Amino acid sequence: MNILAIDPGNVESAYCVIDDDCRPLVFGKVPNEQLRRDLETRELVADVIAIEMVASYGMPVGADVFETCVWIGRLCEAAAREPQLVKRHGIKLHHCQSARAKDSNIVQALVDRFAKGEPNKGKGTKASPGFFYGFAADVWQAFALAVYVADVRAGGAQ
């Protein structure tokens, strides 16, 4: 069973497809329009699709957040199946056991779980690629979402 996870943005979105062993198969960060096309044309497919959902924390937000919400809707419509919408709070708690976790904490938790002891945060080098070779920016958060969904489906999280 493959899982496609998307970390949406107002202009670009990161995505990651993982397999049953939580190994990243395909990942990247692309313009939203390209991601939507890839979903519509089934260039990007998976058994399960998850999209990180925007959540309200009671603070004022800017136009970027609303534009991201629009793109979440567009990506949901383009997907081959109904995506699971997951709020970031649950992802933070799952990987770091803290709602105050930052992106860097989540990255470290993923490195500790999947690439402990590997150089360069598990990325390795071109000559000797590691588990996370090629990961950058928001791809980490898309992977964190995919692993969260996999763990929940396996009964390892609530």
N, C-alpha and C. Protein backbone atom coordinates (compact mmCIF):
# COMPACT_ATOMS: atom_id res chain seq x y z
N MET A 1 0.84 -1.18 0.00
CA MET A 1 0.00 0.00 0.00
C MET A 1 0.89 1.24 0.00
N ASN A 2 0.71 2.09 -0.98
CA ASN A 2 1.45 3.35 -1.06
C ASN A 2 0.61 4.49 -0.50
N ILE A 3 1.29 5.43 0.12
CA ILE A 3 0.63 6.61 0.68
C ILE A 3 1.26 7.85 0.05
N LEU A 4 0.41 8.72 -0.48
CA LEU A 4 0.83 10.02 -1.00
C LEU A 4 0.45 11.07 0.03
N ALA A 5 1.43 11.82 0.50
CA ALA A 5 1.18 12.89 1.46
C ALA A 5 1.59 14.22 0.84
N ILE A 6 0.78 15.23 1.08
CA ILE A 6 1.01 16.56 0.50
C ILE A 6 1.05 17.60 1.61
N ASP A 7 2.13 18.39 1.61
CA ASP A 7 2.24 19.55 2.49
C ASP A 7 1.95 20.76 1.61
N PRO A 8 0.72 21.28 1.65
CA PRO A 8 0.32 22.33 0.71
C PRO A 8 0.87 23.70 1.07
N GLY A 9 1.03 24.50 0.04
CA GLY A 9 1.44 25.88 0.21
C GLY A 9 0.60 26.75 -0.70
N ASN A 10 0.77 28.05 -0.60
CA ASN A 10 -0.04 28.95 -1.42
C ASN A 10 0.45 29.04 -2.86
N VAL A 11 1.72 28.69 -3.11
CA VAL A 11 2.28 28.74 -4.46
C VAL A 11 2.84 27.38 -4.87
N GLU A 12 3.58 26.75 -3.96
CA GLU A 12 4.17 25.44 -4.19
C GLU A 12 3.76 24.49 -3.08
N SER A 13 3.76 23.20 -3.39
CA SER A 13 3.45 22.19 -2.40
C SER A 13 4.48 21.07 -2.47
N ALA A 14 4.78 20.51 -1.31
CA ALA A 14 5.69 19.37 -1.26
C ALA A 14 4.85 18.10 -1.21
N TYR A 15 5.39 17.03 -1.76
CA TYR A 15 4.70 15.75 -1.74
C TYR A 15 5.70 14.63 -1.52
N CYS A 16 5.21 13.51 -1.01
CA CYS A 16 6.05 12.34 -0.82
C CYS A 16 5.16 11.10 -0.90
N VAL A 17 5.58 10.12 -1.67
CA VAL A 17 4.91 8.83 -1.73
C VAL A 17 5.80 7.83 -1.02
N ILE A 18 5.22 7.09 -0.06
CA ILE A 18 5.98 6.06 0.66
C ILE A 18 5.36 4.70 0.42
N ASP A 19 6.16 3.65 0.65
CA ASP A 19 5.68 2.28 0.51
C ASP A 19 5.31 1.72 1.88
N ASP A 20 5.05 0.42 1.94
CA ASP A 20 4.66 -0.23 3.20
C ASP A 20 5.70 -0.11 4.30
N ASP A 21 6.96 0.01 3.91
CA ASP A 21 8.04 0.12 4.88
C ASP A 21 8.41 1.57 5.18
N CYS A 22 7.56 2.49 4.77
CA CYS A 22 7.78 3.94 4.94
C CYS A 22 9.02 4.43 4.19
N ARG A 23 9.39 3.73 3.15
CA ARG A 23 10.51 4.17 2.30
C ARG A 23 9.97 5.18 1.29
N PRO A 24 10.64 6.34 1.17
CA PRO A 24 10.19 7.32 0.17
C PRO A 24 10.45 6.80 -1.24
N LEU A 25 9.40 6.79 -2.06
CA LEU A 25 9.51 6.32 -3.45
C LEU A 25 9.69 7.48 -4.41
N VAL A 26 8.86 8.50 -4.24
CA VAL A 26 8.87 9.69 -5.09
C VAL A 26 8.60 10.88 -4.18
N PHE A 27 9.30 11.97 -4.41
CA PHE A 27 9.06 13.17 -3.59
C PHE A 27 9.55 14.40 -4.33
N GLY A 28 9.08 15.55 -3.87
CA GLY A 28 9.51 16.80 -4.48
C GLY A 28 8.71 17.97 -3.97
N LYS A 29 9.06 19.13 -4.47
CA LYS A 29 8.30 20.35 -4.20
C LYS A 29 8.11 21.03 -5.54
N VAL A 30 6.85 21.21 -5.91
CA VAL A 30 6.53 21.70 -7.25
C VAL A 30 5.46 22.79 -7.16
N PRO A 31 5.32 23.57 -8.24
CA PRO A 31 4.22 24.54 -8.27
C PRO A 31 2.87 23.83 -8.12
N ASN A 32 1.95 24.47 -7.45
CA ASN A 32 0.64 23.86 -7.19
C ASN A 32 -0.07 23.43 -8.46
N GLU A 33 0.03 24.23 -9.50
CA GLU A 33 -0.65 23.89 -10.76
C GLU A 33 -0.09 22.59 -11.33
N GLN A 34 1.20 22.38 -11.22
CA GLN A 34 1.80 21.13 -11.70
C GLN A 34 1.33 19.95 -10.86
N LEU A 35 1.28 20.12 -9.55
CA LEU A 35 0.82 19.05 -8.67
C LEU A 35 -0.63 18.70 -8.98
N ARG A 36 -1.44 19.72 -9.21
CA ARG A 36 -2.85 19.46 -9.56
C ARG A 36 -2.94 18.68 -10.86
N ARG A 37 -2.16 19.07 -11.86
CA ARG A 37 -2.15 18.34 -13.14
C ARG A 37 -1.71 16.89 -12.95
N ASP A 38 -0.66 16.70 -12.14
CA ASP A 38 -0.16 15.35 -11.89
C ASP A 38 -1.20 14.48 -11.19
N LEU A 39 -2.00 15.08 -10.34
CA LEU A 39 -3.09 14.33 -9.69
C LEU A 39 -4.21 14.03 -10.68
N GLU A 40 -4.57 15.02 -11.49
CA GLU A 40 -5.66 14.84 -12.47
C GLU A 40 -5.32 13.81 -13.53
N THR A 41 -4.07 13.81 -13.99
CA THR A 41 -3.66 12.89 -15.06
C THR A 41 -3.19 11.55 -14.50
N ARG A 42 -3.24 11.39 -13.21
CA ARG A 42 -2.82 10.17 -12.51
C ARG A 42 -1.33 9.89 -12.67
N GLU A 43 -0.55 10.94 -12.92
CA GLU A 43 0.91 10.82 -12.91
C GLU A 43 1.39 10.50 -11.50
N LEU A 44 0.63 10.99 -10.53
CA LEU A 44 0.95 10.80 -9.12
C LEU A 44 -0.23 10.07 -8.49
N VAL A 45 -0.03 8.80 -8.18
CA VAL A 45 -1.11 7.98 -7.63
C VAL A 45 -0.63 7.23 -6.39
N ALA A 46 -1.58 6.84 -5.57
CA ALA A 46 -1.29 6.05 -4.38
C ALA A 46 -2.60 5.45 -3.88
N ASP A 47 -2.48 4.45 -3.02
CA ASP A 47 -3.66 3.81 -2.44
C ASP A 47 -4.36 4.72 -1.43
N VAL A 48 -3.57 5.54 -0.75
CA VAL A 48 -4.08 6.47 0.25
C VAL A 48 -3.49 7.84 -0.05
N ILE A 49 -4.31 8.87 0.06
CA ILE A 49 -3.84 10.24 -0.14
C ILE A 49 -4.15 11.04 1.12
N ALA A 50 -3.17 11.78 1.60
CA ALA A 50 -3.35 12.63 2.78
C ALA A 50 -2.82 14.02 2.46
N ILE A 51 -3.55 15.01 2.94
CA ILE A 51 -3.14 16.41 2.76
C ILE A 51 -3.15 17.07 4.13
N GLU A 52 -2.09 17.80 4.43
CA GLU A 52 -2.06 18.54 5.69
C GLU A 52 -3.10 19.65 5.61
N MET A 53 -3.93 19.73 6.63
CA MET A 53 -5.03 20.69 6.66
C MET A 53 -4.67 21.88 7.54
N VAL A 54 -5.10 23.04 7.12
CA VAL A 54 -4.91 24.27 7.90
C VAL A 54 -5.82 24.20 9.12
N ALA A 55 -5.31 24.65 10.26
CA ALA A 55 -6.11 24.67 11.49
C ALA A 55 -6.09 26.07 12.08
N SER A 56 -7.15 26.42 12.76
CA SER A 56 -7.25 27.73 13.39
C SER A 56 -6.68 27.66 14.81
N TYR A 57 -5.82 28.60 15.12
CA TYR A 57 -5.26 28.68 16.47
C TYR A 57 -5.67 29.99 17.14
N GLY A 58 -6.70 30.65 16.58
CA GLY A 58 -7.23 31.86 17.18
C GLY A 58 -6.44 33.12 16.89
N MET A 59 -5.45 33.02 16.05
CA MET A 59 -4.63 34.19 15.70
C MET A 59 -5.01 34.68 14.31
N PRO A 60 -4.84 35.98 14.06
CA PRO A 60 -5.11 36.49 12.71
C PRO A 60 -4.14 35.85 11.71
N VAL A 61 -4.62 35.64 10.49
CA VAL A 61 -3.77 35.06 9.44
C VAL A 61 -3.81 35.95 8.21
N GLY A 62 -2.82 35.77 7.36
CA GLY A 62 -2.73 36.58 6.15
C GLY A 62 -3.32 35.89 4.94
N ALA A 63 -3.21 36.56 3.81
CA ALA A 63 -3.77 36.06 2.55
C ALA A 63 -3.15 34.73 2.15
N ASP A 64 -1.88 34.51 2.49
CA ASP A 64 -1.21 33.25 2.12
C ASP A 64 -1.95 32.04 2.67
N VAL A 65 -2.44 32.15 3.89
CA VAL A 65 -3.16 31.02 4.50
C VAL A 65 -4.46 30.75 3.74
N PHE A 66 -5.17 31.78 3.37
CA PHE A 66 -6.42 31.58 2.62
C PHE A 66 -6.15 31.02 1.23
N GLU A 67 -5.06 31.47 0.60
CA GLU A 67 -4.70 30.92 -0.70
C GLU A 67 -4.32 29.44 -0.58
N THR A 68 -3.67 29.08 0.52
CA THR A 68 -3.34 27.67 0.76
C THR A 68 -4.62 26.86 0.91
N CYS A 69 -5.61 27.41 1.60
CA CYS A 69 -6.90 26.71 1.75
C CYS A 69 -7.56 26.46 0.40
N VAL A 70 -7.50 27.44 -0.48
CA VAL A 70 -8.05 27.27 -1.83
C VAL A 70 -7.34 26.13 -2.54
N TRP A 71 -6.02 26.08 -2.42
CA TRP A 71 -5.26 25.01 -3.08
C TRP A 71 -5.54 23.64 -2.47
N ILE A 72 -5.78 23.59 -1.18
CA ILE A 72 -6.16 22.31 -0.57
C ILE A 72 -7.43 21.79 -1.24
N GLY A 73 -8.41 22.67 -1.43
CA GLY A 73 -9.65 22.28 -2.10
C GLY A 73 -9.41 21.82 -3.53
N ARG A 74 -8.59 22.55 -4.26
CA ARG A 74 -8.29 22.17 -5.65
C ARG A 74 -7.60 20.82 -5.72
N LEU A 75 -6.66 20.58 -4.81
CA LEU A 75 -5.95 19.30 -4.80
C LEU A 75 -6.88 18.15 -4.41
N CYS A 76 -7.79 18.41 -3.49
CA CYS A 76 -8.79 17.39 -3.12
C CYS A 76 -9.64 17.00 -4.32
N GLU A 77 -10.07 18.00 -5.09
CA GLU A 77 -10.89 17.73 -6.27
C GLU A 77 -10.12 16.98 -7.34
N ALA A 78 -8.82 17.23 -7.45
CA ALA A 78 -8.01 16.60 -8.50
C ALA A 78 -7.60 15.17 -8.16
N ALA A 79 -7.64 14.82 -6.89
CA ALA A 79 -7.16 13.51 -6.44
C ALA A 79 -8.07 12.38 -6.93
N ALA A 80 -7.47 11.22 -7.13
CA ALA A 80 -8.19 10.04 -7.62
C ALA A 80 -9.17 9.51 -6.57
N ARG A 81 -8.90 9.77 -5.32
CA ARG A 81 -9.77 9.32 -4.23
C ARG A 81 -9.84 10.41 -3.17
N GLU A 82 -10.79 10.29 -2.29
CA GLU A 82 -10.98 11.30 -1.24
C GLU A 82 -9.76 11.34 -0.32
N PRO A 83 -9.08 12.48 -0.25
CA PRO A 83 -7.90 12.57 0.62
C PRO A 83 -8.30 12.64 2.09
N GLN A 84 -7.42 12.13 2.91
CA GLN A 84 -7.56 12.27 4.35
C GLN A 84 -6.93 13.62 4.71
N LEU A 85 -7.66 14.47 5.40
CA LEU A 85 -7.14 15.78 5.81
C LEU A 85 -6.64 15.67 7.25
N VAL A 86 -5.38 16.02 7.47
CA VAL A 86 -4.74 15.84 8.77
C VAL A 86 -4.19 17.18 9.25
N LYS A 87 -4.54 17.54 10.47
CA LYS A 87 -4.02 18.79 11.05
C LYS A 87 -2.61 18.55 11.60
N ARG A 88 -1.80 19.58 11.52
CA ARG A 88 -0.40 19.50 11.91
C ARG A 88 -0.21 19.14 13.38
N HIS A 89 -1.14 19.54 14.21
CA HIS A 89 -1.07 19.26 15.64
C HIS A 89 -0.86 17.77 15.90
N GLY A 90 -1.63 16.93 15.22
CA GLY A 90 -1.52 15.49 15.40
C GLY A 90 -0.17 14.94 14.95
N ILE A 91 0.37 15.51 13.89
CA ILE A 91 1.67 15.08 13.36
C ILE A 91 2.77 15.42 14.37
N LYS A 92 2.70 16.61 14.95
CA LYS A 92 3.69 17.02 15.95
C LYS A 92 3.64 16.09 17.17
N LEU A 93 2.44 15.84 17.65
CA LEU A 93 2.29 14.97 18.82
C LEU A 93 2.79 13.56 18.52
N HIS A 94 2.50 13.07 17.34
CA HIS A 94 2.89 11.72 16.98
C HIS A 94 4.41 11.56 16.94
N HIS A 95 5.09 12.46 16.27
CA HIS A 95 6.53 12.31 16.09
C HIS A 95 7.36 12.84 17.26
N CYS A 96 6.86 13.86 17.95
CA CYS A 96 7.67 14.52 18.98
C CYS A 96 7.04 14.50 20.37
N GLN A 97 5.81 14.01 20.50
CA GLN A 97 5.09 14.00 21.77
C GLN A 97 4.96 15.40 22.37
N SER A 98 4.94 16.41 21.49
CA SER A 98 4.79 17.79 21.95
C SER A 98 4.11 18.62 20.88
N ALA A 99 3.09 19.36 21.28
CA ALA A 99 2.41 20.25 20.34
C ALA A 99 3.26 21.48 20.02
N ARG A 100 4.31 21.71 20.81
CA ARG A 100 5.20 22.86 20.59
C ARG A 100 6.35 22.54 19.64
N ALA A 101 6.40 21.34 19.12
CA ALA A 101 7.50 20.93 18.24
C ALA A 101 7.57 21.83 17.00
N LYS A 102 8.77 22.08 16.56
CA LYS A 102 9.03 22.85 15.34
C LYS A 102 9.42 21.89 14.23
N ASP A 103 9.53 22.41 13.02
CA ASP A 103 9.94 21.57 11.89
C ASP A 103 11.25 20.85 12.16
N SER A 104 12.20 21.55 12.77
CA SER A 104 13.51 20.94 13.03
C SER A 104 13.39 19.77 14.01
N ASN A 105 12.46 19.85 14.97
CA ASN A 105 12.24 18.74 15.89
C ASN A 105 11.67 17.53 15.18
N ILE A 106 10.75 17.79 14.26
CA ILE A 106 10.15 16.69 13.49
C ILE A 106 11.20 16.03 12.60
N VAL A 107 12.02 16.84 11.95
CA VAL A 107 13.10 16.29 11.11
C VAL A 107 14.01 15.40 11.95
N GLN A 108 14.39 15.88 13.13
CA GLN A 108 15.29 15.08 13.98
C GLN A 108 14.62 13.78 14.42
N ALA A 109 13.33 13.82 14.73
CA ALA A 109 12.62 12.60 15.11
C ALA A 109 12.61 11.60 13.95
N LEU A 110 12.43 12.09 12.74
CA LEU A 110 12.43 11.21 11.57
C LEU A 110 13.82 10.62 11.33
N VAL A 111 14.85 11.44 11.47
CA VAL A 111 16.23 10.95 11.31
C VAL A 111 16.52 9.89 12.37
N ASP A 112 16.12 10.14 13.61
CA ASP A 112 16.36 9.17 14.69
C ASP A 112 15.65 7.84 14.41
N ARG A 113 14.51 7.90 13.81
CA ARG A 113 13.74 6.67 13.54
C ARG A 113 14.23 5.91 12.30
N PHE A 114 14.55 6.63 11.23
CA PHE A 114 14.84 5.97 9.97
C PHE A 114 16.30 5.98 9.54
N ALA A 115 17.11 6.86 10.11
CA ALA A 115 18.48 6.98 9.61
C ALA A 115 19.47 7.31 10.73
N LYS A 116 19.25 6.73 11.88
CA LYS A 116 20.11 7.01 13.03
C LYS A 116 21.57 6.67 12.69
N GLY A 117 22.44 7.62 12.95
CA GLY A 117 23.86 7.40 12.72
C GLY A 117 24.33 7.69 11.30
N GLU A 118 23.40 7.92 10.39
CA GLU A 118 23.80 8.25 9.01
C GLU A 118 24.24 9.71 8.95
N PRO A 119 25.24 10.01 8.13
CA PRO A 119 25.71 11.40 8.05
C PRO A 119 24.71 12.33 7.36
N ASN A 120 24.85 13.62 7.65
CA ASN A 120 24.07 14.65 6.97
C ASN A 120 22.57 14.45 7.12
N LYS A 121 22.12 14.23 8.35
CA LYS A 121 20.70 14.01 8.66
C LYS A 121 20.10 12.88 7.83
N GLY A 122 20.88 11.84 7.63
CA GLY A 122 20.38 10.69 6.89
C GLY A 122 20.37 10.86 5.39
N LYS A 123 20.85 12.00 4.91
CA LYS A 123 20.87 12.23 3.46
C LYS A 123 22.05 11.53 2.80
N GLY A 124 23.14 11.37 3.54
CA GLY A 124 24.34 10.79 2.96
C GLY A 124 24.97 11.75 1.96
N THR A 125 25.58 11.18 0.94
CA THR A 125 26.24 11.98 -0.10
C THR A 125 25.85 11.44 -1.46
N LYS A 126 26.24 12.15 -2.50
CA LYS A 126 25.95 11.69 -3.86
C LYS A 126 26.58 10.32 -4.10
N ALA A 127 27.80 10.15 -3.61
CA ALA A 127 28.52 8.89 -3.79
C ALA A 127 27.93 7.78 -2.93
N SER A 128 27.36 8.15 -1.80
CA SER A 128 26.78 7.16 -0.89
C SER A 128 25.46 7.71 -0.33
N PRO A 129 24.40 7.64 -1.13
CA PRO A 129 23.11 8.22 -0.71
C PRO A 129 22.55 7.53 0.53
N GLY A 130 21.98 8.35 1.41
CA GLY A 130 21.34 7.83 2.61
C GLY A 130 19.83 7.71 2.41
N PHE A 131 19.14 7.31 3.46
CA PHE A 131 17.69 7.10 3.43
C PHE A 131 16.96 8.35 2.94
N PHE A 132 17.43 9.52 3.36
CA PHE A 132 16.76 10.78 3.02
C PHE A 132 17.46 11.55 1.90
N TYR A 133 18.23 10.87 1.08
CA TYR A 133 18.96 11.54 0.01
C TYR A 133 17.98 12.30 -0.89
N GLY A 134 18.25 13.58 -1.11
CA GLY A 134 17.40 14.42 -1.95
C GLY A 134 16.35 15.21 -1.20
N PHE A 135 16.14 14.91 0.09
CA PHE A 135 15.14 15.64 0.86
C PHE A 135 15.59 17.08 1.09
N ALA A 136 14.65 18.00 1.02
CA ALA A 136 14.90 19.41 1.31
C ALA A 136 13.58 20.06 1.69
N ALA A 137 13.69 21.14 2.41
CA ALA A 137 12.55 22.01 2.74
C ALA A 137 11.32 21.23 3.18
N ASP A 138 10.19 21.51 2.55
CA ASP A 138 8.90 20.97 2.97
C ASP A 138 8.70 19.50 2.65
N VAL A 139 9.61 18.89 1.91
CA VAL A 139 9.51 17.45 1.65
C VAL A 139 9.56 16.68 2.97
N TRP A 140 10.35 17.17 3.91
CA TRP A 140 10.42 16.54 5.23
C TRP A 140 9.02 16.49 5.88
N GLN A 141 8.27 17.58 5.76
CA GLN A 141 6.96 17.64 6.39
C GLN A 141 5.95 16.74 5.67
N ALA A 142 6.08 16.63 4.35
CA ALA A 142 5.23 15.71 3.60
C ALA A 142 5.53 14.27 4.02
N PHE A 143 6.81 13.95 4.19
CA PHE A 143 7.20 12.61 4.65
C PHE A 143 6.67 12.36 6.06
N ALA A 144 6.77 13.35 6.94
CA ALA A 144 6.26 13.21 8.31
C ALA A 144 4.77 12.90 8.30
N LEU A 145 4.03 13.56 7.42
CA LEU A 145 2.59 13.30 7.28
C LEU A 145 2.35 11.88 6.78
N ALA A 146 3.11 11.45 5.78
CA ALA A 146 2.94 10.10 5.24
C ALA A 146 3.20 9.04 6.30
N VAL A 147 4.25 9.22 7.08
CA VAL A 147 4.59 8.26 8.14
C VAL A 147 3.50 8.26 9.21
N TYR A 148 3.01 9.43 9.56
CA TYR A 148 1.91 9.53 10.53
C TYR A 148 0.71 8.70 10.05
N VAL A 149 0.33 8.89 8.80
CA VAL A 149 -0.83 8.17 8.25
C VAL A 149 -0.55 6.66 8.25
N ALA A 150 0.65 6.26 7.86
CA ALA A 150 1.01 4.84 7.86
C ALA A 150 0.92 4.26 9.27
N ASP A 151 1.44 4.99 10.25
CA ASP A 151 1.41 4.51 11.63
C ASP A 151 -0.01 4.41 12.16
N VAL A 152 -0.84 5.39 11.86
CA VAL A 152 -2.24 5.35 12.30
C VAL A 152 -2.95 4.16 11.68
N ARG A 153 -2.72 3.93 10.39
CA ARG A 153 -3.36 2.80 9.71
C ARG A 153 -2.89 1.46 10.27
N ALA A 154 -1.65 1.43 10.76
CA ALA A 154 -1.10 0.20 11.34
C ALA A 154 -1.47 0.05 12.81
N GLY A 155 -2.18 1.05 13.35
CA GLY A 155 -2.59 0.99 14.74
C GLY A 155 -1.56 1.52 15.72
N GLY A 156 -0.55 2.22 15.21
CA GLY A 156 0.52 2.71 16.06
C GLY A 156 0.34 4.13 16.55
N ALA A 157 -0.80 4.73 16.27
CA ALA A 157 -1.05 6.11 16.73
C ALA A 157 -2.54 6.36 16.71
N GLN A 158 -2.94 7.38 17.41
CA GLN A 158 -4.37 7.74 17.43
C GLN A 158 -4.61 9.01 16.67
